[in-house]
Protein backbone atom coordinates (compact mmCIF):
# COMPACT_ATOMS: atom_id res chain seq x y z
CA UNK A 1 101.09 131.77 46.09
CA UNK A 2 104.23 130.46 44.74
CA UNK A 3 107.11 133.31 45.54
CA UNK A 4 108.74 132.84 41.82
CA UNK A 5 105.57 133.68 40.35
CA UNK A 6 106.04 137.17 42.45
CA UNK A 7 107.92 139.99 39.77
CA UNK A 8 110.18 140.82 42.85
CA UNK A 9 111.85 137.27 41.88
CA UNK A 10 110.98 137.10 38.44
CA UNK A 11 113.85 134.77 36.58
CA UNK A 12 114.90 133.26 39.99
CA UNK A 13 115.70 129.51 39.95
CA UNK A 14 113.42 127.70 43.31
CA UNK A 15 116.51 126.75 44.07
CA UNK A 16 118.47 130.24 44.34
CA UNK A 17 114.83 131.61 46.42
CA UNK A 18 115.56 129.13 49.00
CA UNK A 19 119.43 131.07 49.79
CA UNK A 20 118.09 134.08 48.84
CA UNK A 21 115.54 134.01 51.18
CA UNK A 22 118.44 132.79 54.20
CA UNK A 23 119.95 135.94 53.16
CA UNK A 24 117.17 138.59 53.48
CA UNK A 25 116.19 137.87 56.43
CA UNK A 26 112.60 136.61 55.19
CA UNK A 27 110.04 136.57 57.93
CA UNK A 28 106.44 134.87 57.19
CA UNK A 29 103.25 136.38 59.00
CA UNK A 30 99.45 135.67 59.27
CA UNK A 31 96.59 138.07 59.28
CA UNK A 32 93.90 138.45 60.32
CA UNK A 33 90.72 140.34 58.79
CA UNK A 34 90.73 143.48 59.38
CA UNK A 35 94.19 143.21 61.86
CA UNK A 36 96.53 146.01 61.21
CA UNK A 37 100.56 144.85 58.91
CA UNK A 38 102.22 148.38 60.25
CA UNK A 39 101.30 150.85 61.77
CA UNK A 40 101.31 154.76 60.74
CA UNK A 41 103.74 156.80 62.97
CA UNK A 42 106.75 153.85 62.78
CA UNK A 43 110.11 153.68 61.50
CA UNK A 44 109.54 150.00 59.17
CA UNK A 45 113.08 148.26 58.47
CA UNK A 46 111.52 145.65 56.46
CA UNK A 47 109.58 145.47 53.06
CA UNK A 48 106.51 143.39 52.62
CA UNK A 49 105.86 141.23 50.14
CA UNK A 50 102.04 139.66 50.43
CA UNK A 51 101.94 136.18 49.77
CA UNK A 52 97.95 135.75 50.07
CA UNK A 53 94.56 137.40 50.61
CA UNK A 54 95.30 141.04 50.11
CA UNK A 55 96.18 144.24 52.47
CA UNK A 56 94.84 148.43 52.74
CA UNK A 57 96.94 151.07 52.20
CA UNK A 58 95.14 153.76 54.45
CA UNK A 59 95.44 157.27 55.46
CA UNK A 60 93.62 156.86 58.36
CA UNK A 61 92.87 160.50 60.76
CA UNK A 62 93.13 161.84 64.67
CA UNK A 63 88.86 161.17 64.10
CA UNK A 64 88.96 157.81 63.30
CA UNK A 65 87.97 158.25 59.29
CA UNK A 66 90.21 156.51 56.88
CA UNK A 67 90.91 156.98 53.40
CA UNK A 68 92.29 154.14 50.69
CA UNK A 69 94.99 154.87 48.89
CA UNK A 70 95.76 151.63 47.44
CA UNK A 71 95.26 147.75 47.93
CA UNK A 72 98.26 145.70 47.79
CA UNK A 73 96.99 141.87 46.33
CA UNK A 74 99.39 138.52 46.27
CA UNK A 75 102.76 139.55 44.57
CA UNK A 76 102.80 143.04 45.53
CA UNK A 77 105.37 145.08 47.62
CA UNK A 78 104.72 147.39 50.71
CA UNK A 79 106.30 149.53 52.00
CA UNK A 80 110.19 149.77 50.69
CA UNK A 81 110.39 153.74 49.93
CA UNK A 82 110.30 153.43 54.00
CA UNK A 83 112.73 150.68 54.43
CA UNK A 84 115.02 152.30 51.89
CA UNK A 85 114.82 155.49 54.37
CA UNK A 86 115.70 154.54 57.95
CA UNK A 87 113.89 156.46 60.67
CA UNK A 88 111.36 157.75 59.00
CA UNK A 89 108.29 157.02 60.14
CA UNK A 90 105.42 155.99 57.81
CA UNK A 91 102.73 158.03 57.18
CA UNK A 92 100.32 155.74 56.34
CA UNK A 93 98.34 152.20 57.86
CA UNK A 94 98.51 148.85 56.41
CA UNK A 95 95.77 146.81 57.74
CA UNK A 96 94.93 143.33 55.85
CA UNK A 97 91.57 143.31 53.88
CA UNK A 98 91.48 139.56 54.42
CA UNK A 99 93.35 136.78 56.28
CA UNK A 100 96.69 137.02 54.51
CA UNK A 101 100.14 135.98 54.69
CA UNK A 102 103.38 138.59 54.27
CA UNK A 103 106.42 137.97 53.64
CA UNK A 104 108.76 140.27 55.23
CA UNK A 105 112.60 140.67 53.75
CA UNK A 106 115.00 142.76 55.21
CA UNK A 107 115.76 146.31 53.62
CA UNK A 108 119.48 146.85 54.27
CA UNK A 109 120.02 143.06 53.32
CA UNK A 110 118.49 143.28 49.38
CA UNK A 111 120.58 146.58 49.16
CA UNK A 112 123.74 145.64 51.00
CA UNK A 113 126.15 143.61 49.36
CA UNK A 114 125.11 139.55 49.51
CA UNK A 115 128.02 138.26 51.85
CA UNK A 116 127.50 135.27 49.93
CA UNK A 117 127.77 136.81 45.81
CA UNK A 118 124.14 135.68 45.22
CA UNK A 119 124.47 135.79 41.08
CA UNK A 120 120.60 136.83 41.75
CA UNK A 121 121.03 139.38 43.89
CA UNK A 122 121.36 142.66 41.41
CA UNK A 123 118.38 141.28 39.43
CA UNK A 124 116.59 141.18 42.76
CA UNK A 125 117.44 144.87 43.06
CA UNK A 126 116.79 145.86 39.53
CA UNK A 127 112.63 144.11 40.27
CA UNK A 128 112.29 145.84 42.88
CA UNK A 129 112.87 148.99 40.65
CA UNK A 130 110.66 148.43 38.45
CA UNK A 131 107.83 147.71 41.58
CA UNK A 132 108.31 150.57 42.70
CA UNK A 133 107.55 152.49 39.40
CA UNK A 134 104.88 150.47 38.77
CA UNK A 135 103.39 152.26 42.48
CA UNK A 136 104.46 155.78 41.09
CA UNK A 137 102.31 154.57 37.81
CA UNK A 138 99.38 153.81 40.12
CA UNK A 139 99.88 156.13 42.88
CA UNK A 140 99.10 159.08 39.77
CA UNK A 141 96.48 156.95 38.55
CA UNK A 142 94.90 157.75 41.95
CA UNK A 143 95.59 161.71 41.78
CA UNK A 144 93.65 161.26 38.46
CA UNK A 145 90.46 159.59 39.45
CA UNK A 146 90.19 162.29 42.30
CA UNK A 147 90.53 164.73 40.38
CA UNK A 148 86.93 165.25 38.96
CA UNK A 149 85.25 167.47 41.61
CA UNK A 150 82.04 165.47 41.23
CA UNK A 151 81.16 161.95 42.63
CA UNK A 152 79.99 160.97 39.04
CA UNK A 153 83.58 162.35 37.77
CA UNK A 154 85.62 159.97 40.00
CA UNK A 155 83.66 157.02 39.61
CA UNK A 156 83.95 157.23 36.19
CA UNK A 157 86.87 157.91 35.76
CA UNK A 158 88.59 154.48 37.72
CA UNK A 159 85.57 152.58 35.76
CA UNK A 160 87.45 153.49 32.77
CA UNK A 161 90.72 152.87 33.64
CA UNK A 162 89.82 149.58 34.85
CA UNK A 163 87.78 148.14 32.12
CA UNK A 164 90.91 149.39 29.31
CA UNK A 165 93.30 147.56 31.59
CA UNK A 166 91.04 144.70 31.99
CA UNK A 167 90.66 144.70 28.44
CA UNK A 168 87.44 144.33 28.82
CA UNK A 169 84.14 146.47 29.73
CA UNK A 170 82.92 143.76 31.72
CA UNK A 171 85.86 143.80 34.88
CA UNK A 172 85.96 143.02 38.91
CA UNK A 173 87.45 146.04 40.75
CA UNK A 174 89.84 145.45 44.13
CA UNK A 175 87.30 147.30 46.25
CA UNK A 176 84.02 146.78 48.24
CA UNK A 177 81.81 149.27 48.47
CA UNK A 178 82.97 151.22 51.41
CA UNK A 179 87.23 150.86 50.14
CA UNK A 180 85.84 151.51 46.65
CA UNK A 181 84.76 155.33 48.35
CA UNK A 182 87.10 155.75 50.63
CA UNK A 183 90.15 155.83 47.89
CA UNK A 184 87.46 157.91 45.82
CA UNK A 185 87.71 159.50 48.89
CA UNK A 186 83.18 160.39 48.35
CA UNK A 187 81.09 159.25 50.67
CA UNK A 188 79.06 156.20 50.80
CA UNK A 189 76.06 157.15 50.31
CA UNK A 190 76.62 159.32 47.82
CA UNK A 191 78.77 156.57 45.93
CA UNK A 192 76.11 154.11 46.06
CA UNK A 193 73.64 156.59 44.93
CA UNK A 194 75.29 157.40 41.88
CA UNK A 195 76.14 154.15 41.38
CA UNK A 196 71.90 153.69 41.36
CA UNK A 197 71.68 156.26 39.13
CA UNK A 198 74.42 155.35 36.37
CA UNK A 199 72.17 152.25 36.37
CA UNK A 200 68.95 153.46 35.39
CA UNK A 201 69.86 155.36 33.18
CA UNK A 202 71.69 152.32 31.40
CA UNK A 203 75.46 153.20 31.63
CA UNK A 204 77.08 150.18 33.64
CA UNK A 205 75.26 147.91 35.72
CA UNK A 206 77.29 146.33 38.36
CA UNK A 207 76.50 143.60 40.66
CA UNK A 208 78.86 143.70 44.17
CA UNK A 209 82.81 144.45 42.84
CA UNK A 210 82.13 143.14 39.36
CA UNK A 211 80.88 145.80 36.51
CA UNK A 212 80.17 146.08 32.85
CA UNK A 213 80.26 149.68 31.27
CA UNK A 214 77.60 149.90 28.30
CA UNK A 215 78.52 152.81 26.83
CA UNK A 216 81.51 155.33 27.23
CA UNK A 217 82.59 156.95 30.04
CA UNK A 218 82.43 160.09 27.69
CA UNK A 219 79.20 159.95 26.85
CA UNK A 220 77.71 159.43 30.78
CA UNK A 221 79.75 162.48 32.55
């Protein structure tokens, strides 16, 4: 993707962006699917901006079980909260969901006054605040979707929200089955079983990551 298409650089021209990246100590890195981008327990000084592919934010226990907290898509940022608090260790792992390219920006240079008096530095900070607020909403959605006690309740809460955000009963989710199970904090076999029941009951149709809701979620509980 073009950097100017990212909400982080909204309102910045390509010419201005080139100067800004130099000021921000930008570094591009490429990762293969499954490769660790950031490790829990380590402090970070830079926030990441996904350029292509996508990364998974995961909470991994000492026994190796993982819970997907979020997936970060191209144009979105991650680790900005930790980068704003020097020395604070990461509570999560970040790994590449597929072959991905990430742009890292030094947070101290993002927050400090630009030594070149860059006129768009303040715009960048405003954009960052807006993105951080959006991520808080994303975390709130996850809390909402994992509040129901049953697998069906969690699944329908998530799928209803996806349909609402897509503006259509037909939509594609950003997770495969295992990632969806991890995101909802449920067993994959239980998730697959519930999806099968919902299809047999005529409540939805699904193929891989594509879903179509055939009835209102409230009627399916």
